[in-house]
């Protein structure tokens, strides 16, 4: 069968009395096939490595670049008076909060951000439960903030019991993050992905109850998921606190961006 095929492909060589040329032709075909198989295998391996690297590299780069910068920035934190310091151990936990299943991603439910349960802060009366926030450097414009919500796929969430924008104290705003390749500043599932790129001096704009406020980033720090100090209220200045998970695409730690009102 192979000889007949060879005679059709190489009729000029079929008149040779020996099978040497035919065997040589077969050998060449085998070599070509082997080369193509090796190239195909190499392509598959390269594709697998690229996909793995695409997922892992953002975490590595965060550790190598952003976390180092955050540590350096964090060397001079704002001196604050911890007005809730004495009550921290006594903060009751809402152990009976019913978790909401949101698209198979537990991190989209704020309840799941607190391994020991959500601390219950002193009650506050809110005249407005929704407002907008913008971060020009990250391309975030007029995204919705909901006070006392849980679903981070629909908006940013301000923790219940924290102060409203413009008042003494600090609204603590949580937002979801994801791998950088999926980032969209208008998608609440990825909205805070680029938060580690903020620097001291960057501005955050808030539109609350018809009043526009401008905040300036003062510090960035990284804390563990069970660190409740991110909720503490300091009533000696008007500030703002943004919180998301880091490295992007994980729930290992929390990045906290501290800002103060400048106008």
Protein backbone atom coordinates (compact mmCIF):
# COMPACT_ATOMS: atom_id res chain seq x y z
CA UNK A 1 0.00 0.00 0.00
CA UNK A 2 2.76 2.44 0.97
CA UNK A 3 4.77 1.48 -2.12
CA UNK A 4 1.80 2.15 -4.43
CA UNK A 5 1.25 5.54 -2.78
CA UNK A 6 4.96 6.34 -3.18
CA UNK A 7 4.91 5.42 -6.88
CA UNK A 8 2.01 7.83 -7.40
CA UNK A 9 3.78 10.62 -5.47
CA UNK A 10 7.24 9.98 -6.99
CA UNK A 11 6.68 8.38 -10.48
CA UNK A 12 10.09 9.54 -11.73
CA UNK A 13 11.83 7.46 -9.09
CA UNK A 14 9.68 4.34 -9.46
CA UNK A 15 11.86 3.02 -12.34
CA UNK A 16 14.81 2.45 -10.01
CA UNK A 17 15.48 -1.27 -9.55
CA UNK A 18 16.16 -0.97 -5.84
CA UNK A 19 13.95 -0.12 -2.85
CA UNK A 20 16.62 2.18 -1.37
CA UNK A 21 14.98 5.37 -2.59
CA UNK A 22 11.58 4.18 -1.36
CA UNK A 23 12.94 3.42 2.09
CA UNK A 24 14.65 6.80 2.16
CA UNK A 25 11.36 8.48 1.28
CA UNK A 26 9.58 6.62 4.11
CA UNK A 27 12.27 7.74 6.55
CA UNK A 28 11.84 11.38 5.49
CA UNK A 29 8.09 11.13 6.01
CA UNK A 30 8.62 9.74 9.50
CA UNK A 31 10.99 12.56 10.39
CA UNK A 32 8.52 15.19 9.17
CA UNK A 33 5.69 13.58 11.15
CA UNK A 34 7.85 13.45 14.28
CA UNK A 35 8.78 17.12 13.93
CA UNK A 36 5.14 18.16 13.60
CA UNK A 37 4.14 16.05 16.62
CA UNK A 38 6.90 17.67 18.67
CA UNK A 39 5.83 21.13 17.57
CA UNK A 40 2.20 20.37 18.42
CA UNK A 41 3.17 19.04 21.85
CA UNK A 42 5.32 22.10 22.47
CA UNK A 43 2.41 24.33 21.47
CA UNK A 44 0.08 22.58 23.92
CA UNK A 45 2.61 22.81 26.74
CA UNK A 46 3.28 26.49 26.00
CA UNK A 47 -0.45 27.20 25.99
CA UNK A 48 -0.87 25.49 29.35
CA UNK A 49 2.02 27.42 30.86
CA UNK A 50 0.62 30.68 29.46
CA UNK A 51 -2.82 30.02 30.97
CA UNK A 52 -1.31 29.14 34.35
CA UNK A 53 0.95 32.17 34.25
CA UNK A 54 -1.99 34.39 33.34
CA UNK A 55 -3.66 33.41 36.60
CA UNK A 56 -0.58 33.29 38.84
CA UNK A 57 1.41 36.31 37.63
CA UNK A 58 -1.02 38.97 38.99
CA UNK A 59 -0.59 37.48 42.47
CA UNK A 60 3.19 37.32 42.13
CA UNK A 61 3.44 40.87 40.77
CA UNK A 62 1.23 42.12 43.61
CA UNK A 63 3.58 40.55 46.15
CA UNK A 64 6.71 41.84 44.40
CA UNK A 65 5.54 45.35 43.53
CA UNK A 66 2.37 46.64 45.18
CA UNK A 67 2.75 45.05 48.60
CA UNK A 68 6.30 46.42 48.89
CA UNK A 69 5.08 49.92 47.98
CA UNK A 70 2.21 49.64 50.45
CA UNK A 71 4.63 48.72 53.25
CA UNK A 72 6.82 51.70 52.41
CA UNK A 73 3.82 54.03 52.34
CA UNK A 74 2.57 52.59 55.60
CA UNK A 75 5.70 53.60 57.52
CA UNK A 76 4.11 56.93 58.39
CA UNK A 77 0.45 56.23 59.26
CA UNK A 78 -1.96 58.95 60.30
CA UNK A 79 -1.96 59.29 64.12
CA UNK A 80 -5.55 58.59 65.19
CA UNK A 81 -7.41 58.32 68.49
CA UNK A 82 -9.04 54.86 68.73
CA UNK A 83 -12.34 55.90 70.30
CA UNK A 84 -13.64 52.32 70.10
CA UNK A 85 -10.47 50.71 71.42
CA UNK A 86 -11.89 49.83 74.83
CA UNK A 87 -15.01 48.25 73.32
CA UNK A 88 -13.32 46.20 70.62
CA UNK A 89 -13.29 42.86 72.51
CA UNK A 90 -16.96 43.31 73.46
CA UNK A 91 -18.29 43.90 69.93
CA UNK A 92 -21.17 41.40 69.60
CA UNK A 93 -21.07 39.18 66.55
CA UNK A 94 -24.08 38.60 64.35
CA UNK A 95 -23.73 34.85 64.27
CA UNK A 96 -27.27 34.38 63.00
CA UNK A 97 -26.79 36.36 59.77
CA UNK A 98 -28.06 34.17 56.95
CA UNK A 99 -25.55 33.85 54.13
CA UNK A 100 -26.72 34.64 50.62
CA UNK A 101 -25.62 32.36 47.82
CA UNK A 102 -24.41 34.65 45.02
CA UNK A 103 -23.33 33.04 41.76
CA UNK A 104 -21.14 30.39 43.40
CA UNK A 105 -18.69 33.06 44.60
CA UNK A 106 -18.93 33.46 48.39
CA UNK A 107 -16.74 36.58 48.25
CA UNK A 108 -19.59 38.45 46.55
CA UNK A 109 -21.49 38.24 49.84
CA UNK A 110 -20.09 40.63 52.44
CA UNK A 111 -21.18 38.28 55.22
CA UNK A 112 -18.48 35.84 54.13
CA UNK A 113 -15.70 38.42 54.49
CA UNK A 114 -15.73 37.98 58.27
CA UNK A 115 -14.70 34.44 59.33
CA UNK A 116 -15.88 35.00 62.91
CA UNK A 117 -19.11 36.77 62.00
CA UNK A 118 -19.94 40.41 61.26
CA UNK A 119 -19.30 42.82 64.15
CA UNK A 120 -22.40 44.79 65.07
CA UNK A 121 -21.58 48.48 65.39
CA UNK A 122 -23.70 51.07 67.25
CA UNK A 123 -26.81 52.03 65.31
CA UNK A 124 -26.84 55.14 63.13
CA UNK A 125 -29.74 56.85 61.43
CA UNK A 126 -29.09 57.27 57.70
CA UNK A 127 -31.16 59.81 55.76
CA UNK A 128 -29.77 58.45 52.47
CA UNK A 129 -28.97 54.78 51.84
CA UNK A 130 -27.36 55.07 48.40
CA UNK A 131 -24.75 57.38 46.91
CA UNK A 132 -21.97 57.43 44.30
CA UNK A 133 -18.20 57.31 44.37
CA UNK A 134 -15.52 58.00 41.73
CA UNK A 135 -11.77 57.30 41.63
CA UNK A 136 -10.38 59.15 38.57
CA UNK A 137 -6.97 57.44 38.62
CA UNK A 138 -8.59 54.00 38.25
CA UNK A 139 -11.27 55.04 35.75
CA UNK A 140 -14.01 54.43 38.32
CA UNK A 141 -16.84 56.87 37.78
CA UNK A 142 -20.14 57.25 39.66
CA UNK A 143 -20.35 53.67 40.92
CA UNK A 144 -23.10 52.93 43.41
CA UNK A 145 -22.54 52.55 47.14
CA UNK A 146 -25.28 50.92 49.22
CA UNK A 147 -25.39 51.32 53.01
CA UNK A 148 -26.13 48.10 54.92
CA UNK A 149 -26.18 45.69 51.99
CA UNK A 150 -24.53 42.32 51.38
CA UNK A 151 -24.53 41.74 47.62
CA UNK A 152 -21.22 43.00 46.20
CA UNK A 153 -22.22 42.02 42.67
CA UNK A 154 -24.75 44.86 42.59
CA UNK A 155 -22.89 47.73 44.28
CA UNK A 156 -20.15 48.71 46.67
CA UNK A 157 -21.25 48.22 50.28
CA UNK A 158 -20.84 50.67 53.16
CA UNK A 159 -20.72 48.82 56.46
CA UNK A 160 -23.72 49.55 58.65
CA UNK A 161 -22.83 51.63 61.70
CA UNK A 162 -20.01 53.59 60.06
CA UNK A 163 -20.32 57.34 59.45
CA UNK A 164 -21.69 58.84 56.24
CA UNK A 165 -19.51 60.92 53.89
CA UNK A 166 -18.85 64.43 55.17
CA UNK A 167 -19.48 63.60 58.85
CA UNK A 168 -16.88 63.04 61.54
CA UNK A 169 -15.82 59.42 61.35
CA UNK A 170 -15.19 57.19 58.34
CA UNK A 171 -17.59 55.39 56.02
CA UNK A 172 -16.05 51.94 55.45
CA UNK A 173 -16.74 50.85 51.88
CA UNK A 174 -16.18 47.28 50.65
CA UNK A 175 -15.71 46.29 47.01
CA UNK A 176 -14.96 43.05 45.19
CA UNK A 177 -11.76 42.41 43.24
CA UNK A 178 -10.71 39.82 40.67
CA UNK A 179 -7.80 38.94 38.39
CA UNK A 180 -6.58 42.07 36.55
CA UNK A 181 -7.32 40.62 33.11
CA UNK A 182 -11.04 40.71 33.98
CA UNK A 183 -11.00 44.27 35.32
CA UNK A 184 -13.77 46.64 34.40
CA UNK A 185 -14.30 49.84 36.42
CA UNK A 186 -18.07 49.59 35.91
CA UNK A 187 -18.37 45.91 36.87
CA UNK A 188 -18.99 45.49 40.59
CA UNK A 189 -17.43 42.02 40.52
CA UNK A 190 -14.08 43.57 39.55
CA UNK A 191 -14.45 47.25 40.50
CA UNK A 192 -11.75 47.35 43.23
CA UNK A 193 -9.22 45.13 41.41
CA UNK A 194 -6.84 48.05 40.76
CA UNK A 195 -7.09 49.55 44.24
CA UNK A 196 -3.44 48.61 45.04
CA UNK A 197 -2.37 51.10 42.35
CA UNK A 198 -3.54 54.06 44.43
CA UNK A 199 -0.82 56.29 45.88
CA UNK A 200 -0.74 58.79 48.72
CA UNK A 201 -2.21 62.03 47.37
CA UNK A 202 -4.64 60.43 44.88
CA UNK A 203 -8.21 61.72 45.11
CA UNK A 204 -11.51 59.95 45.72
CA UNK A 205 -14.75 61.77 44.85
CA UNK A 206 -18.06 61.17 46.61
CA UNK A 207 -21.52 62.43 45.69
CA UNK A 208 -23.70 62.01 48.79
CA UNK A 209 -27.18 63.46 49.15
CA UNK A 210 -26.50 66.08 46.49
CA UNK A 211 -23.22 67.24 48.07
CA UNK A 212 -19.87 66.52 46.41
CA UNK A 213 -16.88 65.67 48.61
CA UNK A 214 -13.21 65.28 47.73
CA UNK A 215 -11.00 62.92 49.73
CA UNK A 216 -7.24 62.45 49.50
CA UNK A 217 -5.49 59.11 50.03
CA UNK A 218 -3.34 59.21 53.18
CA UNK A 219 -2.20 55.60 53.60
CA UNK A 220 -2.58 52.00 52.44
CA UNK A 221 -2.18 48.93 54.61
CA UNK A 222 -2.80 45.19 54.45
CA UNK A 223 -4.55 43.30 57.26
CA UNK A 224 -5.82 39.78 57.93
CA UNK A 225 -9.50 38.91 57.28
CA UNK A 226 -10.25 38.67 61.01
CA UNK A 227 -8.92 42.17 61.75
CA UNK A 228 -11.96 44.18 62.89
CA UNK A 229 -10.00 47.41 63.41
CA UNK A 230 -10.83 48.38 59.83
CA UNK A 231 -14.34 49.18 61.10
CA UNK A 232 -13.29 51.43 63.98
CA UNK A 233 -14.57 54.99 63.88
CA UNK A 234 -12.33 57.94 64.73
CA UNK A 235 -14.37 61.05 65.41
CA UNK A 236 -11.49 63.53 65.41
CA UNK A 237 -11.42 63.80 61.60
CA UNK A 238 -13.59 63.28 58.51
CA UNK A 239 -12.29 60.36 56.51
CA UNK A 240 -13.10 57.51 54.17
CA UNK A 241 -11.96 53.89 54.11
CA UNK A 242 -11.97 51.54 51.10
CA UNK A 243 -11.51 47.79 51.58
CA UNK A 244 -10.94 44.93 49.12
CA UNK A 245 -9.32 41.49 48.95
CA UNK A 246 -5.67 41.04 47.98
CA UNK A 247 -3.82 39.68 46.14
CA UNK A 248 -6.40 40.26 43.36
CA UNK A 249 -8.30 37.07 42.65
CA UNK A 250 -7.85 35.73 46.21
CA UNK A 251 -9.42 36.27 49.64
CA UNK A 252 -6.17 35.88 51.61
CA UNK A 253 -5.86 39.42 53.00
CA UNK A 254 -7.55 42.82 52.99
CA UNK A 255 -6.19 46.03 51.52
CA UNK A 256 -7.34 49.13 53.40
CA UNK A 257 -7.09 52.55 51.75
CA UNK A 258 -7.39 55.42 54.23
CA UNK A 259 -8.35 58.88 52.96
CA UNK A 260 -9.29 62.19 54.55
CA UNK A 261 -11.74 64.90 53.49
CA UNK A 262 -10.03 67.91 51.90
CA UNK A 263 -13.05 69.75 50.50
